[in-house]
Amino acid sequence: MTFKPSAGDASGLAWFKSSYSTADGPSCVEVAATPRTVHVRDSKDVRLPSLGFAAAAWADFVPYAVDVPEKKR
């Protein structure tokens, strides 16, 4: 899978927090989708750069992430 830092201002994107994230937990991930790119960022510090993945690469990744047993995350 290839990834790159997202270019430009990502503040105009509609970000969605992972259902596995908690307000005070260590796993805080948000995603925002555009027609060609899925952006991923750390919701604990949204000033950090986000990562951008091609939609096809993200689609390949999601089933893997869903199948990982909870204790291995």
Protein backbone atom coordinates (compact mmCIF):
# COMPACT_ATOMS: atom_id res chain seq x y z
CA MET A 1 0.00 0.00 0.00
CA THR A 2 1.34 3.42 -0.81
CA PHE A 3 0.58 6.55 1.15
CA LYS A 4 1.55 10.19 1.08
CA PRO A 5 1.05 13.17 3.33
CA SER A 6 -2.15 14.92 2.31
CA ALA A 7 -1.47 18.12 0.45
CA GLY A 8 -3.31 21.36 1.00
CA ASP A 9 -5.75 22.47 3.65
CA ALA A 10 -7.74 19.53 5.03
CA SER A 11 -9.90 21.71 7.29
CA GLY A 12 -12.75 21.82 4.76
CA LEU A 13 -13.16 18.04 4.76
CA ALA A 14 -15.93 16.22 6.65
CA TRP A 15 -14.00 14.18 9.23
CA PHE A 16 -15.45 11.07 10.93
CA LYS A 17 -13.95 9.59 14.10
CA SER A 18 -13.38 5.86 14.30
CA SER A 19 -15.96 4.01 16.37
CA TYR A 20 -13.01 2.44 18.23
CA SER A 21 -11.77 5.86 19.37
CA THR A 22 -12.67 7.27 22.75
CA ALA A 23 -12.39 10.79 24.05
CA ASP A 24 -9.47 9.91 26.29
CA GLY A 25 -8.15 6.72 24.68
CA PRO A 26 -4.89 6.15 22.82
CA SER A 27 -6.54 5.15 19.53
CA CYS A 28 -8.00 8.28 18.01
CA VAL A 29 -8.28 8.14 14.26
CA GLU A 30 -10.44 10.22 11.93
CA VAL A 31 -11.06 9.75 8.22
CA ALA A 32 -12.40 11.99 5.48
CA ALA A 33 -13.17 10.81 1.97
CA THR A 34 -12.97 12.69 -1.30
CA PRO A 35 -13.69 11.14 -4.72
CA ARG A 36 -10.06 10.05 -5.22
CA THR A 37 -8.49 10.05 -1.75
CA VAL A 38 -9.21 8.86 1.78
CA HIS A 39 -7.54 11.14 4.33
CA VAL A 40 -6.56 9.82 7.77
CA ARG A 41 -5.47 11.91 10.75
CA ASP A 42 -4.81 11.73 14.47
CA SER A 43 -7.85 13.30 16.13
CA LYS A 44 -5.84 14.10 19.27
CA ASP A 45 -3.83 16.69 17.30
CA VAL A 46 -5.55 17.72 14.08
CA ARG A 47 -2.77 20.23 13.37
CA LEU A 48 -0.47 17.35 12.41
CA PRO A 49 -0.41 16.40 8.73
CA SER A 50 -2.91 13.82 7.59
CA LEU A 51 -2.14 10.89 5.34
CA GLY A 52 -3.81 10.43 1.98
CA PHE A 53 -4.55 7.01 0.50
CA ALA A 54 -5.88 6.18 -2.93
CA ALA A 55 -9.46 4.96 -2.65
CA ALA A 56 -8.49 1.51 -4.00
CA ALA A 57 -5.67 1.15 -1.45
CA TRP A 58 -8.03 2.10 1.38
CA ALA A 59 -10.62 -0.41 0.15
CA ASP A 60 -7.94 -3.11 0.24
CA PHE A 61 -6.90 -2.13 3.78
CA VAL A 62 -10.29 -1.92 5.51
CA PRO A 63 -11.19 -5.65 5.37
CA TYR A 64 -7.78 -6.45 6.88
CA ALA A 65 -8.30 -3.96 9.71
CA VAL A 66 -11.76 -5.33 10.46
CA ASP A 67 -10.44 -8.93 10.66
CA VAL A 68 -7.65 -8.19 13.16
CA PRO A 69 -8.66 -9.65 16.56
CA GLU A 70 -9.31 -7.00 19.19
CA LYS A 71 -6.44 -8.08 21.43
CA LYS A 72 -3.92 -7.59 18.61
CA ARG A 73 -4.88 -3.98 17.86
